[in-house]
Amino acid sequence: MISENVTNELSLEELRELIPQLQKITKKYKRSEQVQKSLFDISELASSINELSSLYPAIHEIISDFMPAKSFFVAFYEEENELID
């Protein structure tokens, strides 16, 4: 909320100071949107795939958009048995 002693118009200098903050917020929002879409894609995949062996490469492809590494593993952790599959 704007305090009473601040005018409705921002100066050019104030607007220039806001640009980096707005860019940071925009980047963060886009990243969140990408993560949400990827989680949705993984959910869709999990409910539509017939063979588990097809699931891993598809998940790997989705996750690779978020990681700078070219090589990584996708695994499931079973907490009860402390197993990595």
PDB file of N, CA and C in Angstrom:
ATOM      1  N   MET A   1       0.844  -1.172   0.000  1.00  0.00           N
ATOM      2  CA  MET A   1       0.000   0.000   0.000  1.00  0.00           C
ATOM      3  C   MET A   1       0.893   1.239   0.000  1.00  0.00           C
ATOM      4  N   ILE A   2       0.527   2.266  -0.719  1.00  0.00           N
ATOM      5  CA  ILE A   2       1.315   3.496  -0.834  1.00  0.00           C
ATOM      6  C   ILE A   2       0.997   4.412   0.336  1.00  0.00           C
ATOM      7  N   SER A   3       2.061   4.939   0.955  1.00  0.00           N
ATOM      8  CA  SER A   3       1.827   5.852   2.081  1.00  0.00           C
ATOM      9  C   SER A   3       1.288   7.183   1.582  1.00  0.00           C
ATOM     10  N   GLU A   4       0.722   7.969   2.489  1.00  0.00           N
ATOM     11  CA  GLU A   4       0.055   9.216   2.120  1.00  0.00           C
ATOM     12  C   GLU A   4       1.001  10.260   1.540  1.00  0.00           C
ATOM     13  N   ASN A   5       2.248  10.272   1.974  1.00  0.00           N
ATOM     14  CA  ASN A   5       3.167  11.307   1.506  1.00  0.00           C
ATOM     15  C   ASN A   5       3.885  10.948   0.204  1.00  0.00           C
ATOM     16  N   VAL A   6       3.519   9.850  -0.427  1.00  0.00           N
ATOM     17  CA  VAL A   6       4.105   9.466  -1.709  1.00  0.00           C
ATOM     18  C   VAL A   6       3.100   9.807  -2.809  1.00  0.00           C
ATOM     19  N   THR A   7       3.589  10.426  -3.859  1.00  0.00           N
ATOM     20  CA  THR A   7       2.680  10.796  -4.954  1.00  0.00           C
ATOM     21  C   THR A   7       2.351   9.570  -5.791  1.00  0.00           C
ATOM     22  N   ASN A   8       1.351   9.691  -6.640  1.00  0.00           N
ATOM     23  CA  ASN A   8       0.938   8.591  -7.500  1.00  0.00           C
ATOM     24  C   ASN A   8       1.900   8.367  -8.658  1.00  0.00           C
ATOM     25  N   GLU A   9       2.713   9.337  -8.964  1.00  0.00           N
ATOM     26  CA  GLU A   9       3.639   9.222 -10.086  1.00  0.00           C
ATOM     27  C   GLU A   9       5.053   9.001  -9.589  1.00  0.00           C
ATOM     28  N   LEU A  10       5.739   8.073 -10.244  1.00  0.00           N
ATOM     29  CA  LEU A  10       7.134   7.806  -9.916  1.00  0.00           C
ATOM     30  C   LEU A  10       8.023   8.576 -10.875  1.00  0.00           C
ATOM     31  N   SER A  11       9.147   9.017 -10.379  1.00  0.00           N
ATOM     32  CA  SER A  11      10.091   9.725 -11.244  1.00  0.00           C
ATOM     33  C   SER A  11      10.779   8.714 -12.159  1.00  0.00           C
ATOM     34  N   LEU A  12      11.421   9.220 -13.182  1.00  0.00           N
ATOM     35  CA  LEU A  12      12.151   8.370 -14.116  1.00  0.00           C
ATOM     36  C   LEU A  12      13.247   7.600 -13.386  1.00  0.00           C
ATOM     37  N   GLU A  13      13.904   8.251 -12.467  1.00  0.00           N
ATOM     38  CA  GLU A  13      14.955   7.614 -11.663  1.00  0.00           C
ATOM     39  C   GLU A  13      14.384   6.456 -10.840  1.00  0.00           C
ATOM     40  N   GLU A  14      13.245   6.672 -10.218  1.00  0.00           N
ATOM     41  CA  GLU A  14      12.609   5.625  -9.413  1.00  0.00           C
ATOM     42  C   GLU A  14      12.178   4.443 -10.289  1.00  0.00           C
ATOM     43  N   LEU A  15      11.688   4.739 -11.472  1.00  0.00           N
ATOM     44  CA  LEU A  15      11.302   3.682 -12.404  1.00  0.00           C
ATOM     45  C   LEU A  15      12.513   2.866 -12.832  1.00  0.00           C
ATOM     46  N   ARG A  16      13.620   3.548 -13.091  1.00  0.00           N
ATOM     47  CA  ARG A  16      14.859   2.847 -13.483  1.00  0.00           C
ATOM     48  C   ARG A  16      15.351   1.935 -12.359  1.00  0.00           C
ATOM     49  N   GLU A  17      15.172   2.364 -11.132  1.00  0.00           N
ATOM     50  CA  GLU A  17      15.590   1.553  -9.989  1.00  0.00           C
ATOM     51  C   GLU A  17      14.699   0.314  -9.825  1.00  0.00           C
ATOM     52  N   LEU A  18      13.473   0.406 -10.283  1.00  0.00           N
ATOM     53  CA  LEU A  18      12.542  -0.718 -10.172  1.00  0.00           C
ATOM     54  C   LEU A  18      12.798  -1.811 -11.218  1.00  0.00           C
ATOM     55  N   ILE A  19      13.411  -1.462 -12.315  1.00  0.00           N
ATOM     56  CA  ILE A  19      13.594  -2.404 -13.424  1.00  0.00           C
ATOM     57  C   ILE A  19      14.288  -3.699 -12.986  1.00  0.00           C
ATOM     58  N   PRO A  20      15.443  -3.644 -12.308  1.00  0.00           N
ATOM     59  CA  PRO A  20      16.079  -4.916 -11.903  1.00  0.00           C
ATOM     60  C   PRO A  20      15.199  -5.762 -10.990  1.00  0.00           C
ATOM     61  N   GLN A  21      14.466  -5.115 -10.099  1.00  0.00           N
ATOM     62  CA  GLN A  21      13.570  -5.855  -9.204  1.00  0.00           C
ATOM     63  C   GLN A  21      12.457  -6.535  -9.993  1.00  0.00           C
ATOM     64  N   LEU A  22      11.892  -5.815 -10.936  1.00  0.00           N
ATOM     65  CA  LEU A  22      10.822  -6.378 -11.758  1.00  0.00           C
ATOM     66  C   LEU A  22      11.341  -7.514 -12.640  1.00  0.00           C
ATOM     67  N   GLN A  23      12.558  -7.362 -13.158  1.00  0.00           N
ATOM     68  CA  GLN A  23      13.151  -8.426 -13.965  1.00  0.00           C
ATOM     69  C   GLN A  23      13.372  -9.686 -13.133  1.00  0.00           C
ATOM     70  N   LYS A  24      13.830  -9.501 -11.907  1.00  0.00           N
ATOM     71  CA  LYS A  24      14.058 -10.636 -11.005  1.00  0.00           C
ATOM     72  C   LYS A  24      12.744 -11.346 -10.693  1.00  0.00           C
ATOM     73  N   ILE A  25      11.706 -10.586 -10.412  1.00  0.00           N
ATOM     74  CA  ILE A  25      10.385 -11.161 -10.116  1.00  0.00           C
ATOM     75  C   ILE A  25       9.844 -11.903 -11.341  1.00  0.00           C
ATOM     76  N   THR A  26      10.018 -11.319 -12.502  1.00  0.00           N
ATOM     77  CA  THR A  26       9.552 -11.943 -13.741  1.00  0.00           C
ATOM     78  C   THR A  26      10.273 -13.262 -13.990  1.00  0.00           C
ATOM     79  N   LYS A  27      11.581 -13.270 -13.795  1.00  0.00           N
ATOM     80  CA  LYS A  27      12.375 -14.489 -13.991  1.00  0.00           C
ATOM     81  C   LYS A  27      11.934 -15.578 -13.013  1.00  0.00           C
ATOM     82  N   LYS A  28      11.713 -15.181 -11.767  1.00  0.00           N
ATOM     83  CA  LYS A  28      11.276 -16.126 -10.741  1.00  0.00           C
ATOM     84  C   LYS A  28       9.901 -16.700 -11.085  1.00  0.00           C
ATOM     85  N   TYR A  29       9.000 -15.845 -11.572  1.00  0.00           N
ATOM     86  CA  TYR A  29       7.656 -16.277 -11.955  1.00  0.00           C
ATOM     87  C   TYR A  29       7.725 -17.265 -13.123  1.00  0.00           C
ATOM     88  N   LYS A  30       8.545 -16.960 -14.125  1.00  0.00           N
ATOM     89  CA  LYS A  30       8.674 -17.849 -15.285  1.00  0.00           C
ATOM     90  C   LYS A  30       9.225 -19.205 -14.870  1.00  0.00           C
ATOM     91  N   ARG A  31      10.191 -19.183 -13.975  1.00  0.00           N
ATOM     92  CA  ARG A  31      10.783 -20.438 -13.479  1.00  0.00           C
ATOM     93  C   ARG A  31       9.722 -21.265 -12.746  1.00  0.00           C
ATOM     94  N   SER A  32       8.942 -20.609 -11.908  1.00  0.00           N
ATOM     95  CA  SER A  32       7.869 -21.309 -11.187  1.00  0.00           C
ATOM     96  C   SER A  32       6.861 -21.905 -12.147  1.00  0.00           C
ATOM     97  N   GLU A  33       6.556 -21.165 -13.180  1.00  0.00           N
ATOM     98  CA  GLU A  33       5.615 -21.648 -14.187  1.00  0.00           C
ATOM     99  C   GLU A  33       6.175 -22.871 -14.912  1.00  0.00           C
ATOM    100  N   GLN A  34       7.470 -22.856 -15.219  1.00  0.00           N
ATOM    101  CA  GLN A  34       8.112 -24.001 -15.877  1.00  0.00           C
ATOM    102  C   GLN A  34       8.096 -25.235 -14.979  1.00  0.00           C
ATOM    103  N   VAL A  35       8.390 -25.040 -13.696  1.00  0.00           N
ATOM    104  CA  VAL A  35       8.390 -26.152 -12.754  1.00  0.00           C
ATOM    105  C   VAL A  35       6.989 -26.740 -12.637  1.00  0.00           C
ATOM    106  N   GLN A  36       5.996 -25.876 -12.535  1.00  0.00           N
ATOM    107  CA  GLN A  36       4.614 -26.345 -12.431  1.00  0.00           C
ATOM    108  C   GLN A  36       4.222 -27.138 -13.675  1.00  0.00           C
ATOM    109  N   LYS A  37       4.589 -26.663 -14.848  1.00  0.00           N
ATOM    110  CA  LYS A  37       4.264 -27.374 -16.081  1.00  0.00           C
ATOM    111  C   LYS A  37       4.971 -28.730 -16.125  1.00  0.00           C
ATOM    112  N   SER A  38       6.212 -28.756 -15.699  1.00  0.00           N
ATOM    113  CA  SER A  38       6.963 -30.014 -15.685  1.00  0.00           C
ATOM    114  C   SER A  38       6.348 -31.022 -14.723  1.00  0.00           C
ATOM    115  N   LEU A  39       5.941 -30.552 -13.556  1.00  0.00           N
ATOM    116  CA  LEU A  39       5.291 -31.453 -12.600  1.00  0.00           C
ATOM    117  C   LEU A  39       3.981 -31.995 -13.167  1.00  0.00           C
ATOM    118  N   PHE A  40       3.249 -31.147 -13.858  1.00  0.00           N
ATOM    119  CA  PHE A  40       2.019 -31.590 -14.506  1.00  0.00           C
ATOM    120  C   PHE A  40       2.341 -32.631 -15.580  1.00  0.00           C
ATOM    121  N   ASP A  41       3.374 -32.383 -16.378  1.00  0.00           N
ATOM    122  CA  ASP A  41       3.769 -33.322 -17.431  1.00  0.00           C
ATOM    123  C   ASP A  41       4.162 -34.684 -16.844  1.00  0.00           C
ATOM    124  N   ILE A  42       4.903 -34.656 -15.736  1.00  0.00           N
ATOM    125  CA  ILE A  42       5.303 -35.903 -15.086  1.00  0.00           C
ATOM    126  C   ILE A  42       4.073 -36.636 -14.550  1.00  0.00           C
ATOM    127  N   SER A  43       3.150 -35.901 -13.996  1.00  0.00           N
ATOM    128  CA  SER A  43       1.912 -36.507 -13.494  1.00  0.00           C
ATOM    129  C   SER A  43       1.129 -37.158 -14.628  1.00  0.00           C
ATOM    130  N   GLU A  44       1.012 -36.459 -15.733  1.00  0.00           N
ATOM    131  CA  GLU A  44       0.316 -37.002 -16.912  1.00  0.00           C
ATOM    132  C   GLU A  44       1.018 -38.267 -17.407  1.00  0.00           C
ATOM    133  N   LEU A  45       2.328 -38.207 -17.425  1.00  0.00           N
ATOM    134  CA  LEU A  45       3.131 -39.330 -17.887  1.00  0.00           C
ATOM    135  C   LEU A  45       2.891 -40.557 -17.011  1.00  0.00           C
ATOM    136  N   ALA A  46       2.928 -40.332 -15.707  1.00  0.00           N
ATOM    137  CA  ALA A  46       2.776 -41.434 -14.753  1.00  0.00           C
ATOM    138  C   ALA A  46       1.431 -42.135 -14.902  1.00  0.00           C
ATOM    139  N   SER A  47       0.415 -41.391 -15.285  1.00  0.00           N
ATOM    140  CA  SER A  47      -0.909 -42.006 -15.409  1.00  0.00           C
ATOM    141  C   SER A  47      -1.162 -42.591 -16.792  1.00  0.00           C
ATOM    142  N   SER A  48      -0.318 -42.271 -17.761  1.00  0.00           N
ATOM    143  CA  SER A  48      -0.594 -42.739 -19.124  1.00  0.00           C
ATOM    144  C   SER A  48       0.416 -43.747 -19.664  1.00  0.00           C
ATOM    145  N   ILE A  49       1.538 -43.906 -18.998  1.00  0.00           N
ATOM    146  CA  ILE A  49       2.589 -44.776 -19.535  1.00  0.00           C
ATOM    147  C   ILE A  49       2.296 -46.237 -19.196  1.00  0.00           C
ATOM    148  N   ASN A  50       2.585 -47.132 -20.134  1.00  0.00           N
ATOM    149  CA  ASN A  50       2.281 -48.551 -19.951  1.00  0.00           C
ATOM    150  C   ASN A  50       3.413 -49.324 -19.290  1.00  0.00           C
ATOM    151  N   GLU A  51       4.645 -48.939 -19.575  1.00  0.00           N
ATOM    152  CA  GLU A  51       5.789 -49.668 -19.044  1.00  0.00           C
ATOM    153  C   GLU A  51       6.666 -48.728 -18.232  1.00  0.00           C
ATOM    154  N   LEU A  52       7.066 -49.196 -17.065  1.00  0.00           N
ATOM    155  CA  LEU A  52       7.911 -48.392 -16.193  1.00  0.00           C
ATOM    156  C   LEU A  52       9.235 -48.037 -16.869  1.00  0.00           C
ATOM    157  N   SER A  53       9.737 -48.912 -17.710  1.00  0.00           N
ATOM    158  CA  SER A  53      11.006 -48.655 -18.400  1.00  0.00           C
ATOM    159  C   SER A  53      10.905 -47.450 -19.342  1.00  0.00           C
ATOM    160  N   SER A  54       9.703 -47.107 -19.765  1.00  0.00           N
ATOM    161  CA  SER A  54       9.500 -45.926 -20.616  1.00  0.00           C
ATOM    162  C   SER A  54       9.383 -44.649 -19.791  1.00  0.00           C
ATOM    163  N   LEU A  55       9.020 -44.824 -18.533  1.00  0.00           N
ATOM    164  CA  LEU A  55       8.816 -43.659 -17.663  1.00  0.00           C
ATOM    165  C   LEU A  55      10.114 -42.938 -17.354  1.00  0.00           C
ATOM    166  N   TYR A  56      11.154 -43.689 -17.021  1.00  0.00           N
ATOM    167  CA  TYR A  56      12.419 -43.077 -16.621  1.00  0.00           C
ATOM    168  C   TYR A  56      13.027 -42.163 -17.685  1.00  0.00           C
ATOM    169  N   PRO A  57      13.132 -42.607 -18.934  1.00  0.00           N
ATOM    170  CA  PRO A  57      13.695 -41.695 -19.956  1.00  0.00           C
ATOM    171  C   PRO A  57      12.839 -40.445 -20.172  1.00  0.00           C
ATOM    172  N   ALA A  58      11.532 -40.599 -20.068  1.00  0.00           N
ATOM    173  CA  ALA A  58      10.643 -39.451 -20.259  1.00  0.00           C
ATOM    174  C   ALA A  58      10.808 -38.447 -19.113  1.00  0.00           C
ATOM    175  N   ILE A  59      10.900 -38.941 -17.886  1.00  0.00           N
ATOM    176  CA  ILE A  59      11.138 -38.060 -16.741  1.00  0.00           C
ATOM    177  C   ILE A  59      12.500 -37.399 -16.872  1.00  0.00           C
ATOM    178  N   HIS A  60      13.487 -38.168 -17.303  1.00  0.00           N
ATOM    179  CA  HIS A  60      14.843 -37.640 -17.497  1.00  0.00           C
ATOM    180  C   HIS A  60      14.823 -36.466 -18.467  1.00  0.00           C
ATOM    181  N   GLU A  61      14.080 -36.607 -19.538  1.00  0.00           N
ATOM    182  CA  GLU A  61      14.000 -35.535 -20.542  1.00  0.00           C
ATOM    183  C   GLU A  61      13.363 -34.272 -19.953  1.00  0.00           C
ATOM    184  N   ILE A  62      12.310 -34.433 -19.181  1.00  0.00           N
ATOM    185  CA  ILE A  62      11.636 -33.283 -18.574  1.00  0.00           C
ATOM    186  C   ILE A  62      12.556 -32.574 -17.588  1.00  0.00           C
ATOM    187  N   ILE A  63      13.222 -33.349 -16.736  1.00  0.00           N
ATOM    188  CA  ILE A  63      14.087 -32.774 -15.702  1.00  0.00           C
ATOM    189  C   ILE A  63      15.334 -32.131 -16.302  1.00  0.00           C
ATOM    190  N   SER A  64      15.801 -32.635 -17.421  1.00  0.00           N
ATOM    191  CA  SER A  64      17.037 -32.111 -18.021  1.00  0.00           C
ATOM    192  C   SER A  64      16.934 -30.627 -18.380  1.00  0.00           C
ATOM    193  N   ASP A  65      15.725 -30.131 -18.545  1.00  0.00           N
ATOM    194  CA  ASP A  65      15.549 -28.700 -18.827  1.00  0.00           C
ATOM    195  C   ASP A  65      15.930 -27.825 -17.634  1.00  0.00           C
ATOM    196  N   PHE A  66      15.983 -28.414 -16.442  1.00  0.00           N
ATOM    197  CA  PHE A  66      16.259 -27.651 -15.227  1.00  0.00           C
ATOM    198  C   PHE A  66      17.670 -27.842 -14.689  1.00  0.00           C
ATOM    199  N   MET A  67      18.416 -28.740 -15.304  1.00  0.00           N
ATOM    200  CA  MET A  67      19.749 -29.045 -14.788  1.00  0.00           C
ATOM    201  C   MET A  67      20.817 -28.744 -15.827  1.00  0.00           C
ATOM    202  N   PRO A  68      21.911 -28.154 -15.399  1.00  0.00           N
ATOM    203  CA  PRO A  68      22.996 -27.907 -16.343  1.00  0.00           C
ATOM    204  C   PRO A  68      23.765 -29.182 -16.688  1.00  0.00           C
ATOM    205  N   ALA A  69      23.608 -30.235 -15.899  1.00  0.00           N
ATOM    206  CA  ALA A  69      24.328 -31.486 -16.134  1.00  0.00           C
ATOM    207  C   ALA A  69      23.715 -32.250 -17.302  1.00  0.00           C
ATOM    208  N   LYS A  70      24.548 -32.810 -18.131  1.00  0.00           N
ATOM    209  CA  LYS A  70      24.077 -33.621 -19.259  1.00  0.00           C
ATOM    210  C   LYS A  70      23.771 -35.051 -18.805  1.00  0.00           C
ATOM    211  N   SER A  71      24.455 -35.479 -17.765  1.00  0.00           N
ATOM    212  CA  SER A  71      24.311 -36.852 -17.311  1.00  0.00           C
ATOM    213  C   SER A  71      23.859 -36.874 -15.853  1.00  0.00           C
ATOM    214  N   PHE A  72      22.722 -37.497 -15.601  1.00  0.00           N
ATOM    215  CA  PHE A  72      22.219 -37.669 -14.250  1.00  0.00           C
ATOM    216  C   PHE A  72      21.254 -38.846 -14.248  1.00  0.00           C
ATOM    217  N   PHE A  73      20.896 -39.312 -13.064  1.00  0.00           N
ATOM    218  CA  PHE A  73      20.017 -40.465 -12.934  1.00  0.00           C
ATOM    219  C   PHE A  73      18.688 -40.047 -12.316  1.00  0.00           C
ATOM    220  N   VAL A  74      17.644 -40.726 -12.749  1.00  0.00           N
ATOM    221  CA  VAL A  74      16.329 -40.568 -12.144  1.00  0.00           C
ATOM    222  C   VAL A  74      16.057 -41.868 -11.394  1.00  0.00           C
ATOM    223  N   ALA A  75      15.714 -41.742 -10.114  1.00  0.00           N
ATOM    224  CA  ALA A  75      15.469 -42.929  -9.302  1.00  0.00           C
ATOM    225  C   ALA A  75      14.333 -42.654  -8.325  1.00  0.00           C
ATOM    226  N   PHE A  76      13.724 -43.738  -7.866  1.00  0.00           N
ATOM    227  CA  PHE A  76      12.700 -43.643  -6.841  1.00  0.00           C
ATOM    228  C   PHE A  76      13.282 -44.189  -5.542  1.00  0.00           C
ATOM    229  N   TYR A  77      12.977 -43.508  -4.447  1.00  0.00           N
ATOM    230  CA  TYR A  77      13.462 -43.930  -3.137  1.00  0.00           C
ATOM    231  C   TYR A  77      12.304 -44.495  -2.337  1.00  0.00           C
ATOM    232  N   GLU A  78      12.445 -45.735  -1.907  1.00  0.00           N
ATOM    233  CA  GLU A  78      11.442 -46.373  -1.055  1.00  0.00           C
ATOM    234  C   GLU A  78      11.867 -46.175   0.391  1.00  0.00           C
ATOM    235  N   GLU A  79      11.184 -45.277   1.080  1.00  0.00           N
ATOM    236  CA  GLU A  79      11.572 -44.913   2.439  1.00  0.00           C
ATOM    237  C   GLU A  79      11.454 -46.083   3.416  1.00  0.00           C
ATOM    238  N   GLU A  80      10.390 -46.866   3.275  1.00  0.00           N
ATOM    239  CA  GLU A  80      10.173 -47.997   4.191  1.00  0.00           C
ATOM    240  C   GLU A  80      11.338 -48.973   4.186  1.00  0.00           C
ATOM    241  N   ASN A  81      11.782 -49.322   2.986  1.00  0.00           N
ATOM    242  CA  ASN A  81      12.847 -50.317   2.836  1.00  0.00           C
ATOM    243  C   ASN A  81      14.226 -49.692   2.638  1.00  0.00           C
ATOM    244  N   GLU A  82      14.254 -48.370   2.560  1.00  0.00           N
ATOM    245  CA  GLU A  82      15.494 -47.632   2.301  1.00  0.00           C
ATOM    246  C   GLU A  82      16.183 -48.134   1.033  1.00  0.00           C
ATOM    247  N   LEU A  83      15.388 -48.260  -0.023  1.00  0.00           N
ATOM    248  CA  LEU A  83      15.900 -48.748  -1.296  1.00  0.00           C
ATOM    249  C   LEU A  83      15.794 -47.668  -2.363  1.00  0.00           C
ATOM    250  N   ILE A  84      16.777 -47.651  -3.229  1.00  0.00           N
ATOM    251  CA  ILE A  84      16.747 -46.759  -4.395  1.00  0.00           C
ATOM    252  C   ILE A  84      16.526 -47.624  -5.610  1.00  0.00           C
ATOM    253  N   ASP A  85      15.510 -47.296  -6.379  1.00  0.00           N
ATOM    254  CA  ASP A  85      15.183 -48.071  -7.574  1.00  0.00           C
ATOM    255  C   ASP A  85      15.442 -47.208  -8.791  1.00  0.00           C
TER     256      ASP A  85
END
